[in-house]
N, C-alpha and C. Protein backbone atom coordinates (compact mmCIF):
# COMPACT_ATOMS: atom_id res chain seq x y z
N MET A 1 -11.91 23.81 28.54
CA MET A 1 -11.85 22.47 29.08
C MET A 1 -11.06 21.57 28.11
N VAL A 2 -10.15 20.82 28.64
CA VAL A 2 -9.34 19.90 27.85
C VAL A 2 -10.06 18.57 27.75
N GLU A 3 -10.26 18.10 26.52
CA GLU A 3 -10.91 16.81 26.32
C GLU A 3 -9.93 15.70 26.70
N ARG A 4 -10.41 14.73 27.42
CA ARG A 4 -9.53 13.67 27.88
C ARG A 4 -9.14 12.74 26.73
N VAL A 5 -7.99 12.14 26.88
CA VAL A 5 -7.50 11.13 25.94
C VAL A 5 -7.06 9.94 26.78
N ASP A 6 -7.66 8.78 26.51
CA ASP A 6 -7.33 7.58 27.26
C ASP A 6 -6.17 6.79 26.65
N VAL A 7 -6.01 6.90 25.36
CA VAL A 7 -4.95 6.15 24.67
C VAL A 7 -4.52 6.91 23.42
N ARG A 8 -3.23 6.86 23.13
CA ARG A 8 -2.69 7.47 21.91
C ARG A 8 -2.24 6.34 20.99
N VAL A 9 -2.66 6.41 19.73
CA VAL A 9 -2.42 5.33 18.78
C VAL A 9 -1.83 5.90 17.49
N ALA A 10 -0.87 5.18 16.91
CA ALA A 10 -0.30 5.54 15.61
C ALA A 10 -0.51 4.37 14.66
N GLY A 11 -1.01 4.66 13.47
CA GLY A 11 -1.24 3.64 12.46
C GLY A 11 -0.54 4.01 11.16
N VAL A 12 -0.33 3.00 10.32
CA VAL A 12 0.39 3.20 9.06
C VAL A 12 -0.40 2.58 7.90
N ILE A 13 -0.57 3.37 6.84
CA ILE A 13 -1.16 2.88 5.60
C ILE A 13 -0.03 2.75 4.59
N LEU A 14 0.29 1.53 4.20
CA LEU A 14 1.28 1.30 3.15
C LEU A 14 0.55 0.93 1.86
N VAL A 15 0.95 1.56 0.76
CA VAL A 15 0.34 1.32 -0.55
C VAL A 15 1.40 0.71 -1.46
N ASP A 16 1.09 -0.48 -1.99
CA ASP A 16 2.07 -1.17 -2.84
C ASP A 16 1.97 -0.67 -4.29
N PRO A 17 2.85 -1.14 -5.18
CA PRO A 17 2.84 -0.65 -6.57
C PRO A 17 1.55 -0.93 -7.33
N LEU A 18 0.70 -1.82 -6.82
CA LEU A 18 -0.57 -2.10 -7.47
C LEU A 18 -1.72 -1.32 -6.85
N GLY A 19 -1.42 -0.43 -5.89
CA GLY A 19 -2.46 0.37 -5.25
C GLY A 19 -3.15 -0.34 -4.10
N ARG A 20 -2.62 -1.49 -3.68
CA ARG A 20 -3.23 -2.24 -2.59
C ARG A 20 -2.71 -1.73 -1.24
N LEU A 21 -3.53 -1.92 -0.20
CA LEU A 21 -3.18 -1.47 1.15
C LEU A 21 -2.75 -2.66 2.00
N LEU A 22 -1.74 -2.45 2.84
CA LEU A 22 -1.33 -3.49 3.78
C LEU A 22 -2.25 -3.43 4.99
N LEU A 23 -2.96 -4.53 5.24
CA LEU A 23 -3.91 -4.60 6.36
C LEU A 23 -3.62 -5.82 7.22
N GLN A 24 -4.01 -5.70 8.48
CA GLN A 24 -3.83 -6.77 9.46
C GLN A 24 -5.19 -7.30 9.89
N LEU A 25 -5.32 -8.63 9.90
CA LEU A 25 -6.50 -9.26 10.49
C LEU A 25 -6.14 -9.60 11.92
N ARG A 26 -6.84 -8.96 12.86
CA ARG A 26 -6.55 -9.19 14.28
C ARG A 26 -7.00 -10.59 14.66
N ASP A 27 -6.28 -11.18 15.61
CA ASP A 27 -6.66 -12.51 16.08
C ASP A 27 -7.64 -12.38 17.24
N GLY A 28 -7.99 -13.49 17.86
CA GLY A 28 -8.93 -13.48 18.97
C GLY A 28 -8.30 -13.23 20.32
N ASN A 29 -6.98 -13.03 20.35
CA ASN A 29 -6.26 -12.83 21.61
C ASN A 29 -6.12 -11.36 21.99
N THR A 30 -7.07 -10.55 21.61
CA THR A 30 -7.01 -9.12 21.90
C THR A 30 -8.36 -8.62 22.37
N GLN A 31 -8.34 -7.62 23.23
CA GLN A 31 -9.59 -7.01 23.69
C GLN A 31 -10.13 -6.05 22.64
N VAL A 32 -9.23 -5.49 21.85
CA VAL A 32 -9.62 -4.44 20.91
C VAL A 32 -9.90 -5.04 19.53
N ASP A 33 -11.14 -4.96 19.11
CA ASP A 33 -11.56 -5.37 17.77
C ASP A 33 -11.06 -6.75 17.33
N PRO A 34 -11.33 -7.81 18.12
CA PRO A 34 -10.87 -9.13 17.70
C PRO A 34 -11.52 -9.56 16.38
N HIS A 35 -10.76 -10.28 15.56
CA HIS A 35 -11.22 -10.83 14.29
C HIS A 35 -11.69 -9.76 13.30
N ARG A 36 -11.15 -8.57 13.42
CA ARG A 36 -11.47 -7.49 12.48
C ARG A 36 -10.19 -6.99 11.82
N TRP A 37 -10.36 -6.34 10.68
CA TRP A 37 -9.22 -5.81 9.94
C TRP A 37 -8.83 -4.44 10.48
N CYS A 38 -7.55 -4.15 10.41
CA CYS A 38 -7.05 -2.85 10.87
C CYS A 38 -5.74 -2.54 10.15
N LEU A 39 -5.23 -1.36 10.40
CA LEU A 39 -3.93 -0.96 9.88
C LEU A 39 -2.84 -1.45 10.82
N PRO A 40 -1.64 -1.68 10.32
CA PRO A 40 -0.52 -1.91 11.23
C PRO A 40 -0.35 -0.68 12.12
N GLY A 41 -0.10 -0.89 13.38
CA GLY A 41 0.07 0.24 14.30
C GLY A 41 -0.19 -0.19 15.73
N GLY A 42 -0.17 0.79 16.62
CA GLY A 42 -0.39 0.48 18.02
C GLY A 42 -0.19 1.69 18.91
N HIS A 43 -0.04 1.43 20.19
CA HIS A 43 0.07 2.50 21.19
C HIS A 43 1.32 3.34 21.02
N VAL A 44 1.14 4.62 21.29
CA VAL A 44 2.28 5.54 21.39
C VAL A 44 2.75 5.46 22.83
N ASP A 45 3.99 5.06 23.03
CA ASP A 45 4.53 4.92 24.38
C ASP A 45 4.71 6.27 25.06
N PRO A 46 4.69 6.31 26.41
CA PRO A 46 4.93 7.58 27.12
C PRO A 46 6.26 8.20 26.68
N GLY A 47 6.23 9.48 26.37
CA GLY A 47 7.42 10.20 25.93
C GLY A 47 7.76 10.01 24.47
N GLU A 48 6.98 9.21 23.75
CA GLU A 48 7.23 8.94 22.33
C GLU A 48 6.31 9.80 21.48
N ASP A 49 6.80 10.29 20.35
CA ASP A 49 5.92 11.04 19.45
C ASP A 49 5.25 10.06 18.49
N PRO A 50 4.10 10.44 17.90
CA PRO A 50 3.36 9.52 17.04
C PRO A 50 4.16 9.01 15.84
N LEU A 51 4.99 9.84 15.23
CA LEU A 51 5.76 9.41 14.07
C LEU A 51 6.75 8.31 14.44
N THR A 52 7.44 8.48 15.55
CA THR A 52 8.38 7.46 16.03
C THR A 52 7.63 6.17 16.35
N ALA A 53 6.47 6.30 16.97
CA ALA A 53 5.65 5.13 17.30
C ALA A 53 5.20 4.41 16.03
N ALA A 54 4.83 5.18 15.00
CA ALA A 54 4.38 4.57 13.74
C ALA A 54 5.50 3.74 13.11
N HIS A 55 6.71 4.29 13.06
CA HIS A 55 7.85 3.54 12.52
C HIS A 55 8.12 2.28 13.36
N ARG A 56 8.09 2.42 14.68
CA ARG A 56 8.36 1.29 15.58
C ARG A 56 7.31 0.20 15.41
N GLU A 57 6.03 0.59 15.46
CA GLU A 57 4.95 -0.39 15.36
C GLU A 57 4.96 -1.09 14.00
N LEU A 58 5.22 -0.34 12.93
CA LEU A 58 5.27 -0.94 11.60
C LEU A 58 6.34 -2.03 11.56
N TYR A 59 7.50 -1.74 12.10
CA TYR A 59 8.59 -2.73 12.09
C TYR A 59 8.25 -3.93 12.99
N GLU A 60 7.71 -3.66 14.18
CA GLU A 60 7.37 -4.75 15.10
C GLU A 60 6.32 -5.69 14.51
N GLU A 61 5.34 -5.13 13.81
CA GLU A 61 4.22 -5.94 13.33
C GLU A 61 4.43 -6.54 11.95
N THR A 62 5.32 -5.93 11.14
CA THR A 62 5.46 -6.39 9.76
C THR A 62 6.89 -6.73 9.35
N GLY A 63 7.87 -6.25 10.13
CA GLY A 63 9.27 -6.41 9.73
C GLY A 63 9.69 -5.43 8.66
N LEU A 64 8.81 -4.49 8.30
CA LEU A 64 9.10 -3.52 7.24
C LEU A 64 9.56 -2.19 7.81
N LYS A 65 10.44 -1.54 7.06
CA LYS A 65 10.87 -0.18 7.38
C LYS A 65 10.64 0.69 6.15
N VAL A 66 10.20 1.91 6.37
CA VAL A 66 10.07 2.88 5.28
C VAL A 66 10.82 4.13 5.69
N GLU A 67 11.36 4.82 4.70
CA GLU A 67 12.15 6.01 5.00
C GLU A 67 11.29 7.17 5.47
N GLU A 68 10.21 7.41 4.73
CA GLU A 68 9.41 8.60 5.04
C GLU A 68 7.94 8.24 5.18
N LEU A 69 7.38 8.57 6.33
CA LEU A 69 5.94 8.46 6.55
C LEU A 69 5.37 9.86 6.54
N ARG A 70 4.24 10.03 5.86
CA ARG A 70 3.57 11.34 5.82
C ARG A 70 2.26 11.25 6.60
N LEU A 71 1.95 12.33 7.32
CA LEU A 71 0.72 12.34 8.12
C LEU A 71 -0.50 12.44 7.21
N PHE A 72 -1.43 11.52 7.39
CA PHE A 72 -2.70 11.58 6.66
C PHE A 72 -3.79 12.20 7.53
N TRP A 73 -3.90 11.74 8.78
CA TRP A 73 -4.98 12.22 9.65
C TRP A 73 -4.54 12.15 11.10
N HIS A 74 -4.97 13.14 11.85
CA HIS A 74 -4.74 13.16 13.30
C HIS A 74 -6.03 13.66 13.94
N GLY A 75 -6.54 12.92 14.91
CA GLY A 75 -7.76 13.35 15.57
C GLY A 75 -8.16 12.39 16.67
N LYS A 76 -9.30 12.70 17.27
CA LYS A 76 -9.82 11.88 18.38
C LYS A 76 -11.04 11.11 17.90
N ALA A 77 -11.16 9.90 18.43
CA ALA A 77 -12.28 9.03 18.07
C ALA A 77 -12.46 8.02 19.18
N PRO A 78 -13.64 7.37 19.22
CA PRO A 78 -13.83 6.32 20.22
C PRO A 78 -12.79 5.22 20.05
N SER A 79 -12.30 4.72 21.16
CA SER A 79 -11.30 3.65 21.15
C SER A 79 -11.93 2.39 21.68
N GLY A 80 -11.40 1.25 21.29
CA GLY A 80 -11.94 -0.02 21.76
C GLY A 80 -11.33 -0.50 23.05
N GLN A 81 -10.55 0.33 23.73
CA GLN A 81 -9.86 -0.10 24.96
C GLN A 81 -10.85 -0.50 26.05
N PHE A 82 -11.88 0.32 26.22
CA PHE A 82 -12.95 0.03 27.18
C PHE A 82 -14.12 0.92 26.80
N PRO A 83 -15.34 0.61 27.26
CA PRO A 83 -16.50 1.41 26.88
C PRO A 83 -16.30 2.89 27.22
N GLY A 84 -16.53 3.75 26.24
CA GLY A 84 -16.40 5.19 26.43
C GLY A 84 -14.99 5.73 26.30
N ALA A 85 -14.02 4.87 26.02
CA ALA A 85 -12.63 5.32 25.90
C ALA A 85 -12.45 6.21 24.67
N ILE A 86 -11.64 7.26 24.84
CA ILE A 86 -11.33 8.19 23.75
C ILE A 86 -9.88 7.99 23.34
N GLY A 87 -9.67 7.80 22.04
CA GLY A 87 -8.31 7.63 21.52
C GLY A 87 -7.89 8.82 20.69
N GLU A 88 -6.61 9.13 20.76
CA GLU A 88 -6.03 10.15 19.88
C GLU A 88 -5.24 9.38 18.82
N PHE A 89 -5.69 9.48 17.58
CA PHE A 89 -5.13 8.68 16.50
C PHE A 89 -4.29 9.53 15.56
N SER A 90 -3.14 9.02 15.18
CA SER A 90 -2.29 9.62 14.15
C SER A 90 -2.08 8.55 13.09
N THR A 91 -2.52 8.84 11.87
CA THR A 91 -2.40 7.87 10.79
C THR A 91 -1.47 8.42 9.72
N PHE A 92 -0.45 7.63 9.40
CA PHE A 92 0.56 8.02 8.43
C PHE A 92 0.44 7.12 7.20
N TYR A 93 1.00 7.58 6.08
CA TYR A 93 0.96 6.76 4.87
C TYR A 93 2.28 6.87 4.11
N ALA A 94 2.51 5.87 3.25
CA ALA A 94 3.72 5.85 2.42
C ALA A 94 3.56 4.82 1.32
N PRO A 95 4.23 5.03 0.19
CA PRO A 95 4.29 3.98 -0.82
C PRO A 95 5.31 2.93 -0.39
N THR A 96 5.17 1.73 -0.90
CA THR A 96 6.14 0.67 -0.60
C THR A 96 6.30 -0.23 -1.80
N SER A 97 7.47 -0.80 -1.95
CA SER A 97 7.69 -1.81 -2.99
C SER A 97 7.59 -3.21 -2.40
N ALA A 98 7.26 -3.31 -1.13
CA ALA A 98 7.16 -4.61 -0.45
C ALA A 98 6.03 -5.45 -1.05
N THR A 99 6.18 -6.75 -0.93
CA THR A 99 5.15 -7.70 -1.36
C THR A 99 4.69 -8.49 -0.14
N ASP A 100 3.67 -9.31 -0.33
CA ASP A 100 3.20 -10.16 0.78
C ASP A 100 4.33 -11.04 1.31
N GLU A 101 5.22 -11.48 0.42
CA GLU A 101 6.33 -12.34 0.83
C GLU A 101 7.33 -11.60 1.72
N ASP A 102 7.40 -10.28 1.61
CA ASP A 102 8.32 -9.48 2.42
C ASP A 102 7.80 -9.22 3.83
N VAL A 103 6.49 -9.39 4.00
CA VAL A 103 5.84 -9.04 5.27
C VAL A 103 5.95 -10.19 6.26
N VAL A 104 6.38 -9.86 7.47
CA VAL A 104 6.41 -10.81 8.58
C VAL A 104 5.20 -10.48 9.45
N CYS A 105 4.34 -11.45 9.66
CA CYS A 105 3.16 -11.20 10.50
C CYS A 105 3.58 -11.33 11.96
N GLY A 106 4.00 -10.21 12.55
CA GLY A 106 4.48 -10.21 13.92
C GLY A 106 3.38 -10.14 14.95
N GLU A 107 2.17 -9.90 14.49
CA GLU A 107 1.04 -9.78 15.41
C GLU A 107 -0.24 -10.00 14.62
N GLY A 108 -1.23 -10.65 15.22
CA GLY A 108 -2.50 -10.86 14.56
C GLY A 108 -2.56 -12.19 13.83
N ALA A 109 -3.70 -12.43 13.17
CA ALA A 109 -3.93 -13.68 12.46
C ALA A 109 -3.35 -13.66 11.05
N ALA A 110 -3.33 -12.48 10.42
CA ALA A 110 -2.82 -12.36 9.05
C ALA A 110 -2.43 -10.92 8.78
N MET A 111 -1.54 -10.76 7.82
CA MET A 111 -1.11 -9.44 7.38
C MET A 111 -0.89 -9.56 5.88
N ARG A 112 -1.67 -8.80 5.08
CA ARG A 112 -1.52 -8.93 3.63
C ARG A 112 -1.96 -7.65 2.91
N PHE A 113 -1.52 -7.54 1.66
CA PHE A 113 -1.95 -6.43 0.82
C PHE A 113 -3.33 -6.75 0.26
N VAL A 114 -4.23 -5.78 0.37
CA VAL A 114 -5.63 -5.97 -0.03
C VAL A 114 -5.96 -4.96 -1.12
N ASP A 115 -6.59 -5.44 -2.19
CA ASP A 115 -7.01 -4.56 -3.27
C ASP A 115 -8.06 -3.58 -2.76
N ALA A 116 -7.97 -2.35 -3.21
CA ALA A 116 -8.92 -1.31 -2.77
C ALA A 116 -10.36 -1.71 -3.05
N ALA A 117 -10.60 -2.43 -4.14
CA ALA A 117 -11.97 -2.85 -4.47
C ALA A 117 -12.53 -3.85 -3.46
N ASP A 118 -11.66 -4.53 -2.72
CA ASP A 118 -12.10 -5.52 -1.74
C ASP A 118 -12.33 -4.92 -0.35
N VAL A 119 -11.88 -3.70 -0.13
CA VAL A 119 -11.97 -3.08 1.20
C VAL A 119 -13.41 -2.98 1.72
N PRO A 120 -14.40 -2.58 0.90
CA PRO A 120 -15.77 -2.47 1.43
C PRO A 120 -16.33 -3.78 1.99
N SER A 121 -15.82 -4.91 1.55
CA SER A 121 -16.35 -6.19 2.03
C SER A 121 -15.70 -6.65 3.34
N LEU A 122 -14.71 -5.92 3.83
CA LEU A 122 -14.01 -6.31 5.06
C LEU A 122 -14.67 -5.70 6.28
N GLU A 123 -14.59 -6.41 7.39
CA GLU A 123 -15.11 -5.91 8.66
C GLU A 123 -13.96 -5.28 9.44
N PHE A 124 -14.03 -3.96 9.61
CA PHE A 124 -12.96 -3.21 10.26
C PHE A 124 -13.28 -2.91 11.72
N GLY A 125 -12.23 -2.63 12.47
CA GLY A 125 -12.37 -2.13 13.82
C GLY A 125 -12.88 -0.69 13.79
N ARG A 126 -13.18 -0.14 14.95
CA ARG A 126 -13.83 1.16 15.09
C ARG A 126 -13.21 2.27 14.24
N ALA A 127 -12.08 2.79 14.64
CA ALA A 127 -11.48 3.94 13.96
C ALA A 127 -11.03 3.58 12.55
N ASN A 128 -10.48 2.38 12.37
CA ASN A 128 -10.01 1.96 11.05
C ASN A 128 -11.13 1.91 10.03
N GLY A 129 -12.34 1.60 10.47
CA GLY A 129 -13.49 1.56 9.58
C GLY A 129 -13.83 2.91 9.00
N GLU A 130 -13.37 3.97 9.63
CA GLU A 130 -13.57 5.32 9.10
C GLU A 130 -12.33 5.82 8.37
N ILE A 131 -11.16 5.51 8.90
CA ILE A 131 -9.91 6.03 8.34
C ILE A 131 -9.60 5.42 6.98
N VAL A 132 -9.72 4.11 6.83
CA VAL A 132 -9.34 3.45 5.57
C VAL A 132 -10.19 3.92 4.39
N PRO A 133 -11.53 3.93 4.48
CA PRO A 133 -12.32 4.45 3.35
C PRO A 133 -12.03 5.93 3.07
N ARG A 134 -11.79 6.70 4.10
CA ARG A 134 -11.45 8.11 3.91
C ARG A 134 -10.13 8.24 3.14
N PHE A 135 -9.16 7.38 3.46
CA PHE A 135 -7.88 7.43 2.73
C PHE A 135 -8.08 7.05 1.27
N LEU A 136 -8.86 6.01 1.00
CA LEU A 136 -9.08 5.57 -0.38
C LEU A 136 -9.76 6.64 -1.23
N ALA A 137 -10.51 7.53 -0.60
CA ALA A 137 -11.18 8.62 -1.32
C ALA A 137 -10.34 9.90 -1.36
N SER A 138 -9.15 9.85 -0.80
CA SER A 138 -8.34 11.06 -0.63
C SER A 138 -7.46 11.39 -1.83
N PRO A 139 -7.06 12.66 -1.94
CA PRO A 139 -6.08 13.03 -2.98
C PRO A 139 -4.73 12.35 -2.76
N GLN A 140 -4.40 12.06 -1.51
CA GLN A 140 -3.12 11.39 -1.23
C GLN A 140 -3.09 10.00 -1.87
N TYR A 141 -4.18 9.25 -1.74
CA TYR A 141 -4.23 7.92 -2.37
C TYR A 141 -4.24 8.06 -3.89
N ARG A 142 -5.04 8.98 -4.41
CA ARG A 142 -5.09 9.17 -5.87
C ARG A 142 -3.71 9.53 -6.41
N GLN A 143 -2.95 10.32 -5.66
CA GLN A 143 -1.61 10.68 -6.10
C GLN A 143 -0.70 9.45 -6.13
N LEU A 144 -0.78 8.62 -5.10
CA LEU A 144 0.04 7.39 -5.09
C LEU A 144 -0.36 6.45 -6.22
N VAL A 145 -1.66 6.28 -6.43
CA VAL A 145 -2.14 5.39 -7.48
C VAL A 145 -1.79 5.96 -8.85
N GLY A 146 -1.82 7.27 -8.98
CA GLY A 146 -1.46 7.91 -10.25
C GLY A 146 -0.02 7.70 -10.63
N SER A 147 0.83 7.38 -9.66
CA SER A 147 2.24 7.15 -9.96
C SER A 147 2.53 5.69 -10.28
N ILE A 148 1.49 4.85 -10.26
CA ILE A 148 1.66 3.43 -10.57
C ILE A 148 1.87 3.27 -12.07
N ASP A 149 2.74 2.38 -12.47
CA ASP A 149 3.02 2.10 -13.88
C ASP A 149 1.72 1.69 -14.57
N PRO A 150 1.24 2.49 -15.55
CA PRO A 150 -0.03 2.17 -16.21
C PRO A 150 0.03 0.90 -17.05
N HIS A 151 1.23 0.37 -17.27
CA HIS A 151 1.38 -0.84 -18.08
C HIS A 151 1.25 -2.12 -17.25
N LEU A 152 0.94 -1.99 -15.96
CA LEU A 152 0.81 -3.17 -15.11
C LEU A 152 -0.65 -3.47 -14.85
N ASP A 153 -1.00 -4.75 -14.90
CA ASP A 153 -2.31 -5.18 -14.47
C ASP A 153 -2.38 -4.95 -12.97
N ARG A 154 -3.40 -4.24 -12.49
CA ARG A 154 -3.44 -3.83 -11.09
C ARG A 154 -3.59 -5.00 -10.13
N ARG A 155 -4.11 -6.12 -10.57
CA ARG A 155 -4.26 -7.25 -9.65
C ARG A 155 -3.05 -8.18 -9.65
N THR A 156 -2.38 -8.31 -10.81
CA THR A 156 -1.31 -9.30 -10.90
C THR A 156 0.08 -8.70 -11.01
N GLY A 157 0.19 -7.44 -11.44
CA GLY A 157 1.50 -6.83 -11.66
C GLY A 157 2.14 -7.24 -12.96
N VAL A 158 1.40 -7.96 -13.82
CA VAL A 158 1.93 -8.42 -15.10
C VAL A 158 1.75 -7.32 -16.14
N PRO A 159 2.78 -7.08 -16.99
CA PRO A 159 2.63 -6.07 -18.04
C PRO A 159 1.46 -6.40 -18.96
N VAL A 160 0.69 -5.38 -19.32
CA VAL A 160 -0.47 -5.59 -20.18
C VAL A 160 -0.31 -4.90 -21.53
N GLN A 161 0.73 -4.13 -21.74
CA GLN A 161 0.97 -3.47 -23.01
C GLN A 161 2.01 -4.23 -23.81
N PRO A 162 1.92 -4.19 -25.14
CA PRO A 162 2.96 -4.82 -25.95
C PRO A 162 4.31 -4.20 -25.65
N LEU A 163 5.36 -4.98 -25.81
CA LEU A 163 6.71 -4.50 -25.53
C LEU A 163 7.08 -3.29 -26.38
N ALA A 164 6.64 -3.25 -27.63
CA ALA A 164 7.02 -2.14 -28.51
C ALA A 164 6.45 -0.82 -28.02
N ASP A 165 5.40 -0.84 -27.24
CA ASP A 165 4.86 0.39 -26.68
C ASP A 165 5.71 0.89 -25.53
N ARG A 166 6.54 0.03 -24.98
CA ARG A 166 7.27 0.37 -23.77
C ARG A 166 8.75 0.59 -23.99
N TYR A 167 9.33 0.02 -25.02
CA TYR A 167 10.78 0.05 -25.16
C TYR A 167 11.20 0.53 -26.54
N VAL A 168 12.30 1.19 -26.62
CA VAL A 168 12.91 1.54 -27.89
C VAL A 168 13.65 0.31 -28.38
N VAL A 169 13.44 -0.04 -29.62
CA VAL A 169 14.06 -1.24 -30.17
C VAL A 169 15.16 -0.81 -31.14
N HIS A 170 16.36 -1.28 -30.92
CA HIS A 170 17.49 -1.02 -31.81
C HIS A 170 17.79 -2.30 -32.57
N MET A 171 17.88 -2.18 -33.89
CA MET A 171 18.15 -3.35 -34.71
C MET A 171 19.46 -3.13 -35.45
N ARG A 172 20.23 -4.18 -35.60
CA ARG A 172 21.51 -4.08 -36.29
C ARG A 172 21.35 -4.22 -37.80
N ALA A 173 20.46 -5.06 -38.23
CA ALA A 173 20.30 -5.28 -39.67
C ALA A 173 18.85 -5.56 -39.98
N VAL A 174 18.44 -5.14 -41.16
CA VAL A 174 17.08 -5.37 -41.61
C VAL A 174 17.16 -6.17 -42.91
N ARG A 175 16.45 -7.26 -42.98
CA ARG A 175 16.43 -8.06 -44.21
C ARG A 175 15.15 -7.68 -44.94
N PRO A 176 15.27 -7.12 -46.12
CA PRO A 176 14.07 -6.71 -46.87
C PRO A 176 13.14 -7.89 -47.13
N VAL A 177 11.85 -7.62 -47.15
CA VAL A 177 10.87 -8.65 -47.47
C VAL A 177 11.13 -9.11 -48.90
N GLY A 178 11.11 -10.37 -49.13
CA GLY A 178 11.34 -10.90 -50.47
C GLY A 178 12.77 -11.35 -50.68
N GLY A 179 13.58 -11.31 -49.65
CA GLY A 179 14.93 -11.83 -49.78
C GLY A 179 15.97 -10.74 -49.90
N GLY A 180 17.12 -11.13 -50.31
CA GLY A 180 18.23 -10.20 -50.42
C GLY A 180 19.05 -10.21 -49.16
N GLY A 181 20.16 -9.55 -49.22
CA GLY A 181 21.06 -9.49 -48.09
C GLY A 181 20.62 -8.47 -47.06
N PRO A 182 21.27 -8.48 -45.91
CA PRO A 182 20.90 -7.51 -44.88
C PRO A 182 21.21 -6.09 -45.32
N SER A 183 20.39 -5.20 -44.90
CA SER A 183 20.57 -3.78 -45.17
C SER A 183 20.79 -3.10 -43.83
N TRP A 184 21.91 -2.45 -43.67
CA TRP A 184 22.23 -1.81 -42.39
C TRP A 184 21.57 -0.45 -42.32
N GLY A 185 21.00 -0.15 -41.18
CA GLY A 185 20.38 1.15 -40.99
C GLY A 185 19.28 1.07 -39.96
N ALA A 186 18.51 2.11 -39.89
CA ALA A 186 17.45 2.20 -38.89
C ALA A 186 16.22 1.45 -39.37
N ALA A 187 15.49 0.93 -38.44
CA ALA A 187 14.22 0.27 -38.74
C ALA A 187 13.21 0.73 -37.71
N SER A 188 11.99 0.84 -38.12
CA SER A 188 10.97 1.24 -37.16
C SER A 188 10.12 0.03 -36.81
N CYS A 189 9.60 0.08 -35.64
CA CYS A 189 8.73 -0.99 -35.16
C CYS A 189 7.43 -0.32 -34.75
N ALA A 190 6.35 -0.66 -35.39
CA ALA A 190 5.08 0.01 -35.12
C ALA A 190 4.62 -0.23 -33.70
N ALA A 191 4.02 0.80 -33.12
CA ALA A 191 3.44 0.64 -31.79
C ALA A 191 2.39 -0.44 -31.85
N GLY A 192 2.39 -1.29 -30.87
CA GLY A 192 1.43 -2.39 -30.83
C GLY A 192 1.97 -3.68 -31.40
N ALA A 193 3.14 -3.62 -32.05
CA ALA A 193 3.73 -4.84 -32.59
C ALA A 193 4.37 -5.64 -31.46
N TYR A 194 4.17 -6.92 -31.48
CA TYR A 194 4.77 -7.77 -30.46
C TYR A 194 6.14 -8.23 -30.92
N LEU A 195 7.06 -8.31 -30.03
CA LEU A 195 8.42 -8.71 -30.37
C LEU A 195 8.59 -10.19 -30.09
N ARG A 196 9.32 -10.86 -30.96
CA ARG A 196 9.64 -12.27 -30.76
C ARG A 196 11.14 -12.40 -30.62
N THR A 197 11.56 -13.30 -29.78
CA THR A 197 13.00 -13.54 -29.64
C THR A 197 13.35 -14.89 -30.20
């Protein structure tokens, strides 16, 4: 027996350089999960494959394009279309360098990057309430977060390490302590030393 599917949906999880997820707050002008958080995404049109739909919906709702989306999850779950509706969901993910300023809120009340630590306090729609926490606990998310520059503060993006820990410093001349003329040659700068200009 073939299980029925009432609606096919494609969603996208974008992870920014700080490990935050792009989420949409739905407005009150929708039958499906009004005033709840969800992923950018939407219906897969007849004759359209889920990957194509994910790219299309992402652009329509956010103005963003990504080169490669990878499949995170595909399965069936209750849909909010009508009582008892079954949805077939395809959820894709990708890293992005986009910021909140790059995002165009093409649909819903708001669209913004949300810190992973804030996700449990949000009220999600049906399927998204299961998919988003599952993604945050996944090896795929850990791999993306592991590639984040460890020298950035995860909330602000501001460097937190001294410059000397991050850059090779080349000096043209060194003036010995106590005076004297410049001495040409190599100089070392201890790790943890702050540079002044």
